[in-house]
Amino acid sequence: MPRVLLVEDEKDLAWSICRSLTTAGYEAMAAHTGTEALALARRHPPDLFILDIMLPGIDGLSLCRRFKDDATTAAVPVIFLTAKSAVEHRIEGLSLGADDYLAKPFDLRELLARVQALLRRRQTPPAPPATGDLVLGTLAMNGRARTVRVDGRDIRLTPTEFDLLYHLASHPGEVFSAHDLLQVVWGYAPKGPGSSTDVVRWHIKNVRAKVEANPAQPQYIRNVPGHGYVAAAEPADASMGGSSKRPLARAAQARGA
């Protein structure tokens, strides 16, 4: 039975989440402070963390840093619970290695869908690619070793950032919507009131900040307005501000435009 550690200081909300997790077949543990969470994680290492960011004492971001720095919990998936307006917290949380987030208030069905998807990814990792190496301009990736180099420099990506970039780089010139990427990389489709694909956009932003020399004019992952994202199959045309005509035409053709 997969074990989920929830860290939430609103006790009524924590009770509701734990009840839903238990009903869905998970072992749910709840902590209301960061100190309690650290002690519980040491005694009963979980398979997934759900962390509220705004906690008394040790906040959720600090907790995430500690868990990611600990070899016992470094690979455990993390879902953040955030205030709807706390955009900067979402960016920082994802940069620390969190896999997903939900803005309060949220639908419990949406949370369960994300828990199920992340645990499924952890329990059944993707098969190693037929070839380990991918090259996109000066960006090189190895799928087996899960390494990334740009212009000869080692780039450190979180597991989800790596999976996102590798999927795009495996299909150069092919356009993927945020909804497509959410299904392929995260393993679930949005459901329930207030659900969105913003987590994809924030991960794209974080990946660009790490691999692009100028994230405002990306060379490797480009926007296709109205359609989604594409890994560059050819150098960007500077006059187009980093976009590419070829993926746009392919996206339009695929949608019968």
C-alpha atoms as a PDB file:
ATOM      1  CA  MET A   1       0.000   0.000   0.000  1.00  0.00           C
ATOM      2  CA  PRO A   2       1.661   3.281  -1.081  1.00  0.00           C
ATOM      3  CA  ARG A   3       2.292   5.667   1.795  1.00  0.00           C
ATOM      4  CA  VAL A   4       1.545   9.389   1.451  1.00  0.00           C
ATOM      5  CA  LEU A   5       2.764  11.997   3.928  1.00  0.00           C
ATOM      6  CA  LEU A   6       0.561  15.098   3.999  1.00  0.00           C
ATOM      7  CA  VAL A   7       1.893  18.230   5.711  1.00  0.00           C
ATOM      8  CA  GLU A   8      -0.992  20.664   6.220  1.00  0.00           C
ATOM      9  CA  ASP A   9      -1.656  22.948   9.204  1.00  0.00           C
ATOM     10  CA  GLU A  10      -5.390  23.343   8.471  1.00  0.00           C
ATOM     11  CA  LYS A  11      -6.609  20.331  10.436  1.00  0.00           C
ATOM     12  CA  ASP A  12     -10.043  20.088   8.812  1.00  0.00           C
ATOM     13  CA  LEU A  13      -8.507  20.129   5.355  1.00  0.00           C
ATOM     14  CA  ALA A  14      -5.866  17.601   6.416  1.00  0.00           C
ATOM     15  CA  TRP A  15      -8.593  15.286   7.719  1.00  0.00           C
ATOM     16  CA  SER A  16     -10.544  15.534   4.437  1.00  0.00           C
ATOM     17  CA  ILE A  17      -7.469  14.831   2.323  1.00  0.00           C
ATOM     18  CA  CYS A  18      -6.402  11.875   4.473  1.00  0.00           C
ATOM     19  CA  ARG A  19      -9.900  10.404   4.334  1.00  0.00           C
ATOM     20  CA  SER A  20      -9.918  10.658   0.530  1.00  0.00           C
ATOM     21  CA  LEU A  21      -6.455   9.077   0.291  1.00  0.00           C
ATOM     22  CA  THR A  22      -7.427   6.226   2.606  1.00  0.00           C
ATOM     23  CA  THR A  23     -10.642   5.579   0.665  1.00  0.00           C
ATOM     24  CA  ALA A  24      -8.582   5.450  -2.544  1.00  0.00           C
ATOM     25  CA  GLY A  25      -6.361   2.741  -1.058  1.00  0.00           C
ATOM     26  CA  TYR A  26      -3.371   4.678   0.246  1.00  0.00           C
ATOM     27  CA  GLU A  27      -1.791   4.745   3.683  1.00  0.00           C
ATOM     28  CA  ALA A  28      -2.149   8.388   4.708  1.00  0.00           C
ATOM     29  CA  MET A  29      -0.030  10.100   7.358  1.00  0.00           C
ATOM     30  CA  ALA A  30      -0.632  13.701   8.423  1.00  0.00           C
ATOM     31  CA  ALA A  31       1.681  16.239  10.034  1.00  0.00           C
ATOM     32  CA  HIS A  32       0.623  19.764  10.933  1.00  0.00           C
ATOM     33  CA  THR A  33       4.108  21.308  11.258  1.00  0.00           C
ATOM     34  CA  GLY A  34       7.419  20.922   9.502  1.00  0.00           C
ATOM     35  CA  THR A  35       9.036  19.501  12.611  1.00  0.00           C
ATOM     36  CA  GLU A  36       6.386  16.760  12.838  1.00  0.00           C
ATOM     37  CA  ALA A  37       6.860  16.022   9.134  1.00  0.00           C
ATOM     38  CA  LEU A  38      10.623  15.544   9.470  1.00  0.00           C
ATOM     39  CA  ALA A  39      10.142  13.127  12.360  1.00  0.00           C
ATOM     40  CA  LEU A  40       7.419  11.148  10.544  1.00  0.00           C
ATOM     41  CA  ALA A  41       9.459  10.923   7.336  1.00  0.00           C
ATOM     42  CA  ARG A  42      12.416   9.518   9.283  1.00  0.00           C
ATOM     43  CA  ARG A  43      10.303   6.882  11.044  1.00  0.00           C
ATOM     44  CA  HIS A  44       8.073   5.960   8.098  1.00  0.00           C
ATOM     45  CA  PRO A  45       9.616   7.005   4.745  1.00  0.00           C
ATOM     46  CA  PRO A  46       6.731   7.849   2.385  1.00  0.00           C
ATOM     47  CA  ASP A  47       6.227   7.151  -1.300  1.00  0.00           C
ATOM     48  CA  LEU A  48       4.906  10.678  -1.933  1.00  0.00           C
ATOM     49  CA  PHE A  49       4.806  14.043  -0.160  1.00  0.00           C
ATOM     50  CA  ILE A  50       1.951  16.539  -0.236  1.00  0.00           C
ATOM     51  CA  LEU A  51       3.322  19.775   1.231  1.00  0.00           C
ATOM     52  CA  ASP A  52       1.462  22.943   2.083  1.00  0.00           C
ATOM     53  CA  ILE A  53       3.827  25.862   1.522  1.00  0.00           C
ATOM     54  CA  MET A  54       2.523  28.184   4.244  1.00  0.00           C
ATOM     55  CA  LEU A  55       3.327  26.266   7.434  1.00  0.00           C
ATOM     56  CA  PRO A  56       4.238  27.491  10.911  1.00  0.00           C
ATOM     57  CA  GLY A  57       7.939  27.217  11.710  1.00  0.00           C
ATOM     58  CA  ILE A  58       9.562  25.244   8.902  1.00  0.00           C
ATOM     59  CA  ASP A  59       7.652  26.128   5.727  1.00  0.00           C
ATOM     60  CA  GLY A  60       6.934  23.786   2.846  1.00  0.00           C
ATOM     61  CA  LEU A  61       9.739  25.106   0.633  1.00  0.00           C
ATOM     62  CA  SER A  62      12.310  24.540   3.380  1.00  0.00           C
ATOM     63  CA  LEU A  63      10.898  21.065   3.960  1.00  0.00           C
ATOM     64  CA  CYS A  64      11.229  20.253   0.270  1.00  0.00           C
ATOM     65  CA  ARG A  65      14.888  21.357   0.317  1.00  0.00           C
ATOM     66  CA  ARG A  66      15.585  19.058   3.268  1.00  0.00           C
ATOM     67  CA  PHE A  67      13.825  16.103   1.710  1.00  0.00           C
ATOM     68  CA  LYS A  68      15.626  16.574  -1.619  1.00  0.00           C
ATOM     69  CA  ASP A  69      18.997  16.828   0.166  1.00  0.00           C
ATOM     70  CA  ASP A  70      18.377  13.555   2.036  1.00  0.00           C
ATOM     71  CA  ALA A  71      19.321  10.438   0.062  1.00  0.00           C
ATOM     72  CA  THR A  72      16.431   8.528   1.672  1.00  0.00           C
ATOM     73  CA  THR A  73      13.766  10.889   0.334  1.00  0.00           C
ATOM     74  CA  ALA A  74      15.476  12.669  -2.575  1.00  0.00           C
ATOM     75  CA  ALA A  75      13.596  10.665  -5.228  1.00  0.00           C
ATOM     76  CA  VAL A  76      10.190  10.851  -3.516  1.00  0.00           C
ATOM     77  CA  PRO A  77       7.671  12.853  -5.621  1.00  0.00           C
ATOM     78  CA  VAL A  78       6.359  16.118  -4.172  1.00  0.00           C
ATOM     79  CA  ILE A  79       3.050  17.898  -4.721  1.00  0.00           C
ATOM     80  CA  PHE A  80       2.788  21.426  -3.325  1.00  0.00           C
ATOM     81  CA  LEU A  81      -0.393  23.046  -2.064  1.00  0.00           C
ATOM     82  CA  THR A  82      -0.235  26.810  -2.625  1.00  0.00           C
ATOM     83  CA  ALA A  83      -2.315  29.920  -2.273  1.00  0.00           C
ATOM     84  CA  LYS A  84      -3.907  30.895  -5.575  1.00  0.00           C
ATOM     85  CA  SER A  85      -1.923  34.160  -5.691  1.00  0.00           C
ATOM     86  CA  ALA A  86       1.469  32.709  -4.647  1.00  0.00           C
ATOM     87  CA  VAL A  87       3.009  32.492  -8.121  1.00  0.00           C
ATOM     88  CA  GLU A  88       6.578  33.018  -6.897  1.00  0.00           C
ATOM     89  CA  HIS A  89       6.180  30.111  -4.458  1.00  0.00           C
ATOM     90  CA  ARG A  90       5.114  27.794  -7.277  1.00  0.00           C
ATOM     91  CA  ILE A  91       8.162  28.700  -9.356  1.00  0.00           C
ATOM     92  CA  GLU A  92      10.514  28.221  -6.406  1.00  0.00           C
ATOM     93  CA  GLY A  93       8.849  24.950  -5.413  1.00  0.00           C
ATOM     94  CA  LEU A  94       9.143  23.471  -8.887  1.00  0.00           C
ATOM     95  CA  SER A  95      12.760  24.650  -9.097  1.00  0.00           C
ATOM     96  CA  LEU A  96      13.503  22.757  -5.872  1.00  0.00           C
ATOM     97  CA  GLY A  97      12.350  19.516  -7.473  1.00  0.00           C
ATOM     98  CA  ALA A  98       8.617  19.399  -6.791  1.00  0.00           C
ATOM     99  CA  ASP A  99       6.690  17.555  -9.480  1.00  0.00           C
ATOM    100  CA  ASP A 100       3.330  19.289  -9.281  1.00  0.00           C
ATOM    101  CA  TYR A 101       1.243  21.816  -7.386  1.00  0.00           C
ATOM    102  CA  LEU A 102      -2.381  22.613  -6.696  1.00  0.00           C
ATOM    103  CA  ALA A 103      -3.722  26.064  -5.843  1.00  0.00           C
ATOM    104  CA  LYS A 104      -6.210  26.312  -2.989  1.00  0.00           C
ATOM    105  CA  PRO A 105      -9.126  25.812  -3.071  1.00  0.00           C
ATOM    106  CA  PHE A 106      -8.930  22.608  -5.108  1.00  0.00           C
ATOM    107  CA  ASP A 107     -11.074  19.607  -5.928  1.00  0.00           C
ATOM    108  CA  LEU A 108     -10.075  16.458  -4.031  1.00  0.00           C
ATOM    109  CA  ARG A 109     -10.658  14.444  -7.225  1.00  0.00           C
ATOM    110  CA  GLU A 110      -7.976  16.526  -8.906  1.00  0.00           C
ATOM    111  CA  LEU A 111      -5.530  15.899  -6.061  1.00  0.00           C
ATOM    112  CA  LEU A 112      -6.185  12.139  -6.171  1.00  0.00           C
ATOM    113  CA  ALA A 113      -5.631  12.064  -9.931  1.00  0.00           C
ATOM    114  CA  ARG A 114      -2.238  13.690  -9.486  1.00  0.00           C
ATOM    115  CA  VAL A 115      -1.272  11.421  -6.599  1.00  0.00           C
ATOM    116  CA  GLN A 116      -2.182   8.355  -8.667  1.00  0.00           C
ATOM    117  CA  ALA A 117      -0.224   9.588 -11.679  1.00  0.00           C
ATOM    118  CA  LEU A 118       2.942  10.413  -9.737  1.00  0.00           C
ATOM    119  CA  LEU A 119       2.925   7.127  -7.835  1.00  0.00           C
ATOM    120  CA  ARG A 120       2.330   5.231 -11.080  1.00  0.00           C
ATOM    121  CA  ARG A 121       5.369   6.960 -12.614  1.00  0.00           C
ATOM    122  CA  ARG A 122       7.485   6.069  -9.593  1.00  0.00           C
ATOM    123  CA  GLN A 123       6.358   2.439  -9.416  1.00  0.00           C
ATOM    124  CA  THR A 124       6.542   1.842 -13.171  1.00  0.00           C
ATOM    125  CA  PRO A 125       9.380   3.971 -14.552  1.00  0.00           C
ATOM    126  CA  PRO A 126       9.553   4.358 -18.345  1.00  0.00           C
ATOM    127  CA  ALA A 127      11.610   1.778 -20.195  1.00  0.00           C
ATOM    128  CA  PRO A 128      15.119   2.913 -21.167  1.00  0.00           C
ATOM    129  CA  PRO A 129      15.176   4.429 -24.659  1.00  0.00           C
ATOM    130  CA  ALA A 130      16.526   2.373 -27.532  1.00  0.00           C
ATOM    131  CA  THR A 131      19.370   4.849 -27.845  1.00  0.00           C
ATOM    132  CA  GLY A 132      20.626   6.824 -24.923  1.00  0.00           C
ATOM    133  CA  ASP A 133      21.799   9.937 -26.745  1.00  0.00           C
ATOM    134  CA  LEU A 134      19.817  12.850 -28.119  1.00  0.00           C
ATOM    135  CA  VAL A 135      21.414  15.892 -29.708  1.00  0.00           C
ATOM    136  CA  LEU A 136      19.625  19.153 -30.416  1.00  0.00           C
ATOM    137  CA  GLY A 137      22.108  21.759 -31.611  1.00  0.00           C
ATOM    138  CA  THR A 138      24.580  22.166 -28.737  1.00  0.00           C
ATOM    139  CA  LEU A 139      22.216  20.446 -26.278  1.00  0.00           C
ATOM    140  CA  ALA A 140      23.011  16.766 -25.622  1.00  0.00           C
ATOM    141  CA  MET A 141      20.948  14.380 -23.473  1.00  0.00           C
ATOM    142  CA  ASN A 142      21.529  10.795 -22.403  1.00  0.00           C
ATOM    143  CA  GLY A 143      18.304   9.006 -21.514  1.00  0.00           C
ATOM    144  CA  ARG A 144      19.920   6.114 -19.642  1.00  0.00           C
ATOM    145  CA  ALA A 145      22.273   8.216 -17.526  1.00  0.00           C
ATOM    146  CA  ARG A 146      19.712  11.061 -17.389  1.00  0.00           C
ATOM    147  CA  THR A 147      22.360  13.684 -18.053  1.00  0.00           C
ATOM    148  CA  VAL A 148      22.111  16.993 -19.901  1.00  0.00           C
ATOM    149  CA  ARG A 149      24.932  19.081 -21.373  1.00  0.00           C
ATOM    150  CA  VAL A 150      24.689  22.426 -23.149  1.00  0.00           C
ATOM    151  CA  ASP A 151      27.786  23.820 -24.872  1.00  0.00           C
ATOM    152  CA  GLY A 152      29.801  21.262 -22.924  1.00  0.00           C
ATOM    153  CA  ARG A 153      28.381  22.347 -19.543  1.00  0.00           C
ATOM    154  CA  ASP A 154      26.578  19.926 -17.260  1.00  0.00           C
ATOM    155  CA  ILE A 155      23.001  21.043 -16.553  1.00  0.00           C
ATOM    156  CA  ARG A 156      21.136  19.824 -13.482  1.00  0.00           C
ATOM    157  CA  LEU A 157      17.436  19.223 -14.093  1.00  0.00           C
ATOM    158  CA  THR A 158      14.817  17.858 -11.736  1.00  0.00           C
ATOM    159  CA  PRO A 159      13.393  14.431 -12.732  1.00  0.00           C
ATOM    160  CA  THR A 160      10.215  15.970 -14.153  1.00  0.00           C
ATOM    161  CA  GLU A 161      12.156  18.689 -15.994  1.00  0.00           C
ATOM    162  CA  PHE A 162      14.339  15.990 -17.551  1.00  0.00           C
ATOM    163  CA  ASP A 163      11.342  13.906 -18.632  1.00  0.00           C
ATOM    164  CA  LEU A 164       9.690  16.974 -20.167  1.00  0.00           C
ATOM    165  CA  LEU A 165      12.782  18.066 -22.094  1.00  0.00           C
ATOM    166  CA  TYR A 166      13.591  14.506 -23.190  1.00  0.00           C
ATOM    167  CA  HIS A 167      10.099  13.968 -24.540  1.00  0.00           C
ATOM    168  CA  LEU A 168      10.227  17.177 -26.582  1.00  0.00           C
ATOM    169  CA  ALA A 169      13.789  16.518 -27.786  1.00  0.00           C
ATOM    170  CA  SER A 170      12.773  12.987 -28.826  1.00  0.00           C
ATOM    171  CA  HIS A 171      10.251  14.520 -31.246  1.00  0.00           C
ATOM    172  CA  PRO A 172      12.038  17.528 -32.821  1.00  0.00           C
ATOM    173  CA  GLY A 173       9.738  19.669 -34.936  1.00  0.00           C
ATOM    174  CA  GLU A 174       6.576  18.091 -33.464  1.00  0.00           C
ATOM    175  CA  VAL A 175       4.217  20.412 -31.618  1.00  0.00           C
ATOM    176  CA  PHE A 176       2.746  19.355 -28.270  1.00  0.00           C
ATOM    177  CA  SER A 177       0.028  21.267 -26.456  1.00  0.00           C
ATOM    178  CA  ALA A 178       0.269  21.749 -22.684  1.00  0.00           C
ATOM    179  CA  HIS A 179      -2.588  19.249 -22.372  1.00  0.00           C
ATOM    180  CA  ASP A 180      -0.624  16.700 -24.460  1.00  0.00           C
ATOM    181  CA  LEU A 181       2.461  17.136 -22.260  1.00  0.00           C
ATOM    182  CA  LEU A 182       0.450  16.853 -19.066  1.00  0.00           C
ATOM    183  CA  GLN A 183      -0.901  13.493 -20.229  1.00  0.00           C
ATOM    184  CA  VAL A 184       2.399  12.138 -21.574  1.00  0.00           C
ATOM    185  CA  VAL A 185       4.879  13.417 -18.962  1.00  0.00           C
ATOM    186  CA  TRP A 186       2.745  13.728 -15.824  1.00  0.00           C
ATOM    187  CA  GLY A 187       0.364  10.902 -16.702  1.00  0.00           C
ATOM    188  CA  TYR A 188      -3.010  12.555 -16.078  1.00  0.00           C
ATOM    189  CA  ALA A 189      -5.489  14.856 -17.748  1.00  0.00           C
ATOM    190  CA  PRO A 190      -6.958  17.906 -15.975  1.00  0.00           C
ATOM    191  CA  LYS A 191     -10.241  17.204 -14.240  1.00  0.00           C
ATOM    192  CA  GLY A 192     -12.473  18.950 -11.752  1.00  0.00           C
ATOM    193  CA  PRO A 193     -13.192  22.660 -11.187  1.00  0.00           C
ATOM    194  CA  GLY A 194     -10.213  24.961 -11.324  1.00  0.00           C
ATOM    195  CA  SER A 195      -7.832  22.435 -12.890  1.00  0.00           C
ATOM    196  CA  SER A 196      -5.332  23.764 -15.399  1.00  0.00           C
ATOM    197  CA  THR A 197      -2.167  22.995 -17.306  1.00  0.00           C
ATOM    198  CA  ASP A 198      -0.151  25.813 -15.698  1.00  0.00           C
ATOM    199  CA  VAL A 199       2.243  23.300 -14.163  1.00  0.00           C
ATOM    200  CA  VAL A 200       3.504  22.568 -17.688  1.00  0.00           C
ATOM    201  CA  ARG A 201       4.098  26.247 -18.383  1.00  0.00           C
ATOM    202  CA  TRP A 202       6.070  26.710 -15.148  1.00  0.00           C
ATOM    203  CA  HIS A 203       8.208  23.632 -15.855  1.00  0.00           C
ATOM    204  CA  ILE A 204       8.931  24.927 -19.367  1.00  0.00           C
ATOM    205  CA  LYS A 205       9.962  28.256 -17.817  1.00  0.00           C
ATOM    206  CA  ASN A 206      12.312  26.515 -15.371  1.00  0.00           C
ATOM    207  CA  VAL A 207      13.856  24.318 -18.085  1.00  0.00           C
ATOM    208  CA  ARG A 208      14.484  27.341 -20.290  1.00  0.00           C
ATOM    209  CA  ALA A 209      16.131  29.194 -17.407  1.00  0.00           C
ATOM    210  CA  LYS A 210      18.607  26.315 -17.102  1.00  0.00           C
ATOM    211  CA  VAL A 211      19.353  25.364 -20.721  1.00  0.00           C
ATOM    212  CA  GLU A 212      18.782  28.527 -22.767  1.00  0.00           C
ATOM    213  CA  ALA A 213      21.434  31.234 -23.090  1.00  0.00           C
ATOM    214  CA  ASN A 214      18.584  33.736 -23.523  1.00  0.00           C
ATOM    215  CA  PRO A 215      15.276  32.338 -22.200  1.00  0.00           C
ATOM    216  CA  ALA A 216      13.424  35.270 -23.800  1.00  0.00           C
ATOM    217  CA  GLN A 217      14.567  34.020 -27.226  1.00  0.00           C
ATOM    218  CA  PRO A 218      14.743  30.241 -26.749  1.00  0.00           C
ATOM    219  CA  GLN A 219      16.754  28.071 -29.111  1.00  0.00           C
ATOM    220  CA  TYR A 220      15.732  24.629 -27.869  1.00  0.00           C
ATOM    221  CA  ILE A 221      12.104  24.812 -26.708  1.00  0.00           C
ATOM    222  CA  ARG A 222       9.949  27.294 -28.578  1.00  0.00           C
ATOM    223  CA  ASN A 223       6.391  28.450 -28.234  1.00  0.00           C
ATOM    224  CA  VAL A 224       4.002  27.856 -31.098  1.00  0.00           C
ATOM    225  CA  PRO A 225       1.333  30.482 -30.373  1.00  0.00           C
ATOM    226  CA  GLY A 226      -2.098  28.941 -29.976  1.00  0.00           C
ATOM    227  CA  HIS A 227      -0.736  25.391 -30.214  1.00  0.00           C
ATOM    228  CA  GLY A 228       1.925  24.606 -27.599  1.00  0.00           C
ATOM    229  CA  TYR A 229       5.640  23.833 -27.537  1.00  0.00           C
ATOM    230  CA  VAL A 230       8.182  22.355 -29.919  1.00  0.00           C
ATOM    231  CA  ALA A 231      11.808  21.263 -29.686  1.00  0.00           C
ATOM    232  CA  ALA A 232      13.760  23.123 -32.344  1.00  0.00           C
ATOM    233  CA  ALA A 233      14.627  21.000 -35.347  1.00  0.00           C
ATOM    234  CA  GLU A 234      16.728  23.795 -36.842  1.00  0.00           C
ATOM    235  CA  PRO A 235      18.410  27.019 -35.636  1.00  0.00           C
ATOM    236  CA  ALA A 236      16.002  29.791 -34.676  1.00  0.00           C
ATOM    237  CA  ASP A 237      15.454  32.658 -37.087  1.00  0.00           C
ATOM    238  CA  ALA A 238      16.459  35.711 -35.049  1.00  0.00           C
ATOM    239  CA  SER A 239      14.006  37.872 -37.014  1.00  0.00           C
ATOM    240  CA  MET A 240      11.164  35.737 -35.617  1.00  0.00           C
ATOM    241  CA  GLY A 241      12.200  36.190 -31.981  1.00  0.00           C
ATOM    242  CA  GLY A 242      13.032  32.518 -31.472  1.00  0.00           C
ATOM    243  CA  SER A 243       9.941  30.990 -33.108  1.00  0.00           C
ATOM    244  CA  SER A 244       9.919  28.687 -36.110  1.00  0.00           C
ATOM    245  CA  LYS A 245       7.697  28.728 -39.194  1.00  0.00           C
ATOM    246  CA  ARG A 246       8.013  24.996 -39.796  1.00  0.00           C
ATOM    247  CA  PRO A 247       6.428  23.838 -36.497  1.00  0.00           C
ATOM    248  CA  LEU A 248       3.653  26.409 -36.950  1.00  0.00           C
ATOM    249  CA  ALA A 249       2.823  25.022 -40.368  1.00  0.00           C
ATOM    250  CA  ARG A 250       2.918  21.454 -39.043  1.00  0.00           C
ATOM    251  CA  ALA A 251       0.621  22.324 -36.141  1.00  0.00           C
ATOM    252  CA  ALA A 252      -1.858  24.023 -38.456  1.00  0.00           C
ATOM    253  CA  GLN A 253      -1.813  21.091 -40.864  1.00  0.00           C
ATOM    254  CA  ALA A 254      -2.333  18.572 -38.042  1.00  0.00           C
ATOM    255  CA  ARG A 255      -5.414  20.473 -36.906  1.00  0.00           C
ATOM    256  CA  GLY A 256      -6.836  20.830 -40.398  1.00  0.00           C
ATOM    257  CA  ALA A 257      -6.213  24.584 -40.559  1.00  0.00           C
END
